[in-house]
PDB file of N, CA and C in Angstrom:
ATOM      1  N   MET A   1     108.998  82.118 125.763  1.00  0.00           N
ATOM      2  CA  MET A   1     109.875  82.754 124.805  1.00  0.00           C
ATOM      3  C   MET A   1     109.169  82.958 123.460  1.00  0.00           C
ATOM      4  N   GLU A   2     108.352  81.965 123.062  1.00  0.00           N
ATOM      5  CA  GLU A   2     107.631  82.089 121.809  1.00  0.00           C
ATOM      6  C   GLU A   2     106.641  83.254 121.846  1.00  0.00           C
ATOM      7  N   ARG A   3     106.002  83.438 122.982  1.00  0.00           N
ATOM      8  CA  ARG A   3     105.038  84.536 123.108  1.00  0.00           C
ATOM      9  C   ARG A   3     105.717  85.888 122.971  1.00  0.00           C
ATOM     10  N   VAL A   4     106.894  86.007 123.529  1.00  0.00           N
ATOM     11  CA  VAL A   4     107.625  87.273 123.442  1.00  0.00           C
ATOM     12  C   VAL A   4     107.991  87.559 121.996  1.00  0.00           C
ATOM     13  N   LEU A   5     108.470  86.548 121.292  1.00  0.00           N
ATOM     14  CA  LEU A   5     108.821  86.737 119.885  1.00  0.00           C
ATOM     15  C   LEU A   5     107.594  87.060 119.040  1.00  0.00           C
ATOM     16  N   SER A   6     106.481  86.407 119.337  1.00  0.00           N
ATOM     17  CA  SER A   6     105.240  86.694 118.619  1.00  0.00           C
ATOM     18  C   SER A   6     104.777  88.125 118.872  1.00  0.00           C
ATOM     19  N   LEU A   7     104.862  88.552 120.114  1.00  0.00           N
ATOM     20  CA  LEU A   7     104.462  89.910 120.453  1.00  0.00           C
ATOM     21  C   LEU A   7     105.349  90.931 119.753  1.00  0.00           C
ATOM     22  N   ILE A   8     106.641  90.689 119.734  1.00  0.00           N
ATOM     23  CA  ILE A   8     107.565  91.598 119.052  1.00  0.00           C
ATOM     24  C   ILE A   8     107.246  91.666 117.566  1.00  0.00           C
ATOM     25  N   LEU A   9     106.959  90.529 116.950  1.00  0.00           N
ATOM     26  CA  LEU A   9     106.617  90.494 115.532  1.00  0.00           C
ATOM     27  C   LEU A   9     105.345  91.277 115.253  1.00  0.00           C
ATOM     28  N   ILE A  10     104.346  91.129 116.112  1.00  0.00           N
ATOM     29  CA  ILE A  10     103.091  91.858 115.939  1.00  0.00           C
ATOM     30  C   ILE A  10     103.314  93.359 116.088  1.00  0.00           C
ATOM     31  N   VAL A  11     104.086  93.759 117.077  1.00  0.00           N
ATOM     32  CA  VAL A  11     104.352  95.185 117.295  1.00  0.00           C
ATOM     33  C   VAL A  11     105.090  95.784 116.099  1.00  0.00           C
ATOM     34  N   VAL A  12     106.083  95.080 115.600  1.00  0.00           N
ATOM     35  CA  VAL A  12     106.839  95.580 114.444  1.00  0.00           C
ATOM     36  C   VAL A  12     105.949  95.665 113.215  1.00  0.00           C
ATOM     37  N   ALA A  13     105.104  94.670 113.011  1.00  0.00           N
ATOM     38  CA  ALA A  13     104.215  94.675 111.849  1.00  0.00           C
ATOM     39  C   ALA A  13     103.194  95.806 111.924  1.00  0.00           C
ATOM     40  N   THR A  14     102.622  96.047 113.094  1.00  0.00           N
ATOM     41  CA  THR A  14     101.626  97.103 113.209  1.00  0.00           C
ATOM     42  C   THR A  14     102.263  98.494 113.198  1.00  0.00           C
ATOM     43  N   ALA A  15     103.489  98.606 113.639  1.00  0.00           N
ATOM     44  CA  ALA A  15     104.161  99.907 113.600  1.00  0.00           C
ATOM     45  C   ALA A  15     104.365 100.362 112.164  1.00  0.00           C
ATOM     46  N   GLY A  16     104.588  99.427 111.279  1.00  0.00           N
ATOM     47  CA  GLY A  16     104.770  99.763 109.875  1.00  0.00           C
ATOM     48  C   GLY A  16     103.488 100.189 109.193  1.00  0.00           C
ATOM     49  N   LEU A  17     102.349  99.789 109.727  1.00  0.00           N
ATOM     50  CA  LEU A  17     101.085 100.150 109.101  1.00  0.00           C
ATOM     51  C   LEU A  17     100.743 101.618 109.331  1.00  0.00           C
ATOM     52  N   GLY A  18     100.924 102.077 110.540  1.00  0.00           N
ATOM     53  CA  GLY A  18     100.678 103.478 110.881  1.00  0.00           C
ATOM     54  C   GLY A  18      99.225 103.907 110.715  1.00  0.00           C
ATOM     55  N   GLY A  19      98.827 104.869 111.490  1.00  0.00           N
ATOM     56  CA  GLY A  19      97.520 105.521 111.374  1.00  0.00           C
ATOM     57  C   GLY A  19      96.338 104.578 111.335  1.00  0.00           C
ATOM     58  N   CYS A  20      95.513 104.764 110.330  1.00  0.00           N
ATOM     59  CA  CYS A  20      94.284 103.990 110.202  1.00  0.00           C
ATOM     60  C   CYS A  20      94.540 102.544 109.801  1.00  0.00           C
ATOM     61  N   GLY A  21      95.700 102.273 109.268  1.00  0.00           N
ATOM     62  CA  GLY A  21      96.024 100.904 108.892  1.00  0.00           C
ATOM     63  C   GLY A  21      95.982  99.962 110.069  1.00  0.00           C
ATOM     64  N   VAL A  22      96.317 100.471 111.241  1.00  0.00           N
ATOM     65  CA  VAL A  22      96.275  99.641 112.454  1.00  0.00           C
ATOM     66  C   VAL A  22      94.829  99.268 112.773  1.00  0.00           C
ATOM     67  N   ALA A  23      93.913 100.186 112.577  1.00  0.00           N
ATOM     68  CA  ALA A  23      92.501  99.902 112.847  1.00  0.00           C
ATOM     69  C   ALA A  23      91.914  98.966 111.790  1.00  0.00           C
ATOM     70  N   ALA A  24      92.386  99.040 110.566  1.00  0.00           N
ATOM     71  CA  ALA A  24      91.859  98.201 109.487  1.00  0.00           C
ATOM     72  C   ALA A  24      92.473  96.808 109.474  1.00  0.00           C
ATOM     73  N   PHE A  25      93.591  96.626 110.148  1.00  0.00           N
ATOM     74  CA  PHE A  25      94.309  95.345 110.120  1.00  0.00           C
ATOM     75  C   PHE A  25      93.446  94.161 110.566  1.00  0.00           C
ATOM     76  N   PRO A  26      92.720  94.248 111.694  1.00  0.00           N
ATOM     77  CA  PRO A  26      91.889  93.097 112.090  1.00  0.00           C
ATOM     78  C   PRO A  26      90.792  92.783 111.076  1.00  0.00           C
ATOM     79  N   VAL A  27      90.244  93.815 110.446  1.00  0.00           N
ATOM     80  CA  VAL A  27      89.199  93.593 109.449  1.00  0.00           C
ATOM     81  C   VAL A  27      89.786  92.905 108.223  1.00  0.00           C
ATOM     82  N   ARG A  28      90.968  93.336 107.816  1.00  0.00           N
ATOM     83  CA  ARG A  28      91.609  92.728 106.640  1.00  0.00           C
ATOM     84  C   ARG A  28      92.009  91.274 106.908  1.00  0.00           C
ATOM     85  N   THR A  29      92.504  90.981 108.093  1.00  0.00           N
ATOM     86  CA  THR A  29      92.890  89.599 108.393  1.00  0.00           C
ATOM     87  C   THR A  29      91.656  88.700 108.503  1.00  0.00           C
ATOM     88  N   THR A  30      90.575  89.217 109.035  1.00  0.00           N
ATOM     89  CA  THR A  30      89.330  88.452 109.085  1.00  0.00           C
ATOM     90  C   THR A  30      88.815  88.181 107.680  1.00  0.00           C
ATOM     91  N   SER A  31      88.887  89.189 106.833  1.00  0.00           N
ATOM     92  CA  SER A  31      88.463  89.027 105.443  1.00  0.00           C
ATOM     93  C   SER A  31      89.295  87.972 104.733  1.00  0.00           C
ATOM     94  N   ALA A  32      90.595  87.995 104.945  1.00  0.00           N
ATOM     95  CA  ALA A  32      91.469  87.002 104.322  1.00  0.00           C
ATOM     96  C   ALA A  32      91.150  85.598 104.818  1.00  0.00           C
ATOM     97  N   ALA A  33      90.848  85.468 106.096  1.00  0.00           N
ATOM     98  CA  ALA A  33      90.515  84.157 106.654  1.00  0.00           C
ATOM     99  C   ALA A  33      89.179  83.650 106.114  1.00  0.00           C
ATOM    100  N   VAL A  34      88.223  84.550 105.938  1.00  0.00           N
ATOM    101  CA  VAL A  34      86.899  84.162 105.448  1.00  0.00           C
ATOM    102  C   VAL A  34      86.969  83.744 103.982  1.00  0.00           C
ATOM    103  N   LYS A  35      87.855  84.342 103.213  1.00  0.00           N
ATOM    104  CA  LYS A  35      87.955  84.017 101.786  1.00  0.00           C
ATOM    105  C   LYS A  35      88.374  82.569 101.544  1.00  0.00           C
ATOM    106  N   ILE A  36      88.889  81.907 102.547  1.00  0.00           N
ATOM    107  CA  ILE A  36      89.294  80.506 102.411  1.00  0.00           C
ATOM    108  C   ILE A  36      88.080  79.597 102.263  1.00  0.00           C
ATOM    109  N   VAL A  37      86.942  79.998 102.819  1.00  0.00           N
ATOM    110  CA  VAL A  37      85.730  79.182 102.783  1.00  0.00           C
ATOM    111  C   VAL A  37      85.207  79.120 101.350  1.00  0.00           C
ATOM    112  N   PRO A  38      85.018  77.908 100.809  1.00  0.00           N
ATOM    113  CA  PRO A  38      84.520  77.791  99.441  1.00  0.00           C
ATOM    114  C   PRO A  38      83.110  78.374  99.290  1.00  0.00           C
ATOM    115  N   VAL A  39      82.820  78.893  98.157  1.00  0.00           N
ATOM    116  CA  VAL A  39      81.540  79.445  97.722  1.00  0.00           C
ATOM    117  C   VAL A  39      81.137  80.690  98.506  1.00  0.00           C
ATOM    118  N   ALA A  40      80.876  80.587  99.781  1.00  0.00           N
ATOM    119  CA  ALA A  40      80.372  81.723 100.561  1.00  0.00           C
ATOM    120  C   ALA A  40      81.470  82.672 101.005  1.00  0.00           C
ATOM    121  N   GLY A  41      82.717  82.271 100.948  1.00  0.00           N
ATOM    122  CA  GLY A  41      83.808  83.089 101.459  1.00  0.00           C
ATOM    123  C   GLY A  41      83.911  84.445 100.800  1.00  0.00           C
ATOM    124  N   ASP A  42      83.838  84.473  99.467  1.00  0.00           N
ATOM    125  CA  ASP A  42      83.950  85.749  98.761  1.00  0.00           C
ATOM    126  C   ASP A  42      82.759  86.655  99.038  1.00  0.00           C
ATOM    127  N   VAL A  43      81.596  86.063  99.182  1.00  0.00           N
ATOM    128  CA  VAL A  43      80.391  86.852  99.461  1.00  0.00           C
ATOM    129  C   VAL A  43      80.489  87.508 100.836  1.00  0.00           C
ATOM    130  N   VAL A  44      80.957  86.772 101.806  1.00  0.00           N
ATOM    131  CA  VAL A  44      81.078  87.298 103.167  1.00  0.00           C
ATOM    132  C   VAL A  44      82.248  88.271 103.261  1.00  0.00           C
ATOM    133  N   ALA A  45      83.312  88.029 102.510  1.00  0.00           N
ATOM    134  CA  ALA A  45      84.501  88.876 102.583  1.00  0.00           C
ATOM    135  C   ALA A  45      84.297  90.235 101.909  1.00  0.00           C
ATOM    136  N   TYR A  46      83.394  90.326 100.961  1.00  0.00           N
ATOM    137  CA  TYR A  46      83.187  91.583 100.233  1.00  0.00           C
ATOM    138  C   TYR A  46      82.868  92.762 101.159  1.00  0.00           C
ATOM    139  N   PRO A  47      81.882  92.657 102.070  1.00  0.00           N
ATOM    140  CA  PRO A  47      81.621  93.796 102.955  1.00  0.00           C
ATOM    141  C   PRO A  47      82.783  94.090 103.909  1.00  0.00           C
ATOM    142  N   LEU A  48      83.520  93.051 104.286  1.00  0.00           N
ATOM    143  CA  LEU A  48      84.679  93.274 105.148  1.00  0.00           C
ATOM    144  C   LEU A  48      85.758  94.060 104.403  1.00  0.00           C
ATOM    145  N   ASP A  49      85.974  93.737 103.133  1.00  0.00           N
ATOM    146  CA  ASP A  49      86.941  94.486 102.329  1.00  0.00           C
ATOM    147  C   ASP A  49      86.522  95.945 102.174  1.00  0.00           C
ATOM    148  N   LYS A  50      85.245  96.159 101.936  1.00  0.00           N
ATOM    149  CA  LYS A  50      84.740  97.535 101.791  1.00  0.00           C
ATOM    150  C   LYS A  50      84.870  98.312 103.106  1.00  0.00           C
ATOM    151  N   THR A  51      84.647  97.640 104.220  1.00  0.00           N
ATOM    152  CA  THR A  51      84.798  98.286 105.521  1.00  0.00           C
ATOM    153  C   THR A  51      86.239  98.678 105.761  1.00  0.00           C
ATOM    154  N   ALA A  52      87.169  97.768 105.440  1.00  0.00           N
ATOM    155  CA  ALA A  52      88.585  98.079 105.605  1.00  0.00           C
ATOM    156  C   ALA A  52      89.008  99.230 104.693  1.00  0.00           C
ATOM    157  N   ASP A  53      88.477  99.262 103.477  1.00  0.00           N
ATOM    158  CA  ASP A  53      88.770 100.375 102.569  1.00  0.00           C
ATOM    159  C   ASP A  53      88.256 101.698 103.136  1.00  0.00           C
ATOM    160  N   ALA A  54      87.079 101.655 103.741  1.00  0.00           N
ATOM    161  CA  ALA A  54      86.512 102.880 104.327  1.00  0.00           C
ATOM    162  C   ALA A  54      87.329 103.360 105.501  1.00  0.00           C
ATOM    163  N   ILE A  55      87.866 102.434 106.279  1.00  0.00           N
ATOM    164  CA  ILE A  55      88.705 102.824 107.428  1.00  0.00           C
ATOM    165  C   ILE A  55      89.992 103.476 106.937  1.00  0.00           C
ATOM    166  N   ASP A  56      90.577 102.897 105.883  1.00  0.00           N
ATOM    167  CA  ASP A  56      91.804 103.475 105.337  1.00  0.00           C
ATOM    168  C   ASP A  56      91.492 104.786 104.692  1.00  0.00           C
TER     169      ASP A  56
END
């Protein structure tokens, strides 16, 4: 049951993004996760942010 609810939530969230936003979503979430790492996180996240901007 939890998987079904998770899948529905993901589908609803990605439907709202539309177009290229769906393709940039994994890059943006990876960038957000990497930014948690102290010191190196921002350095590694910078190219990911630029890539997501280019996709959008």
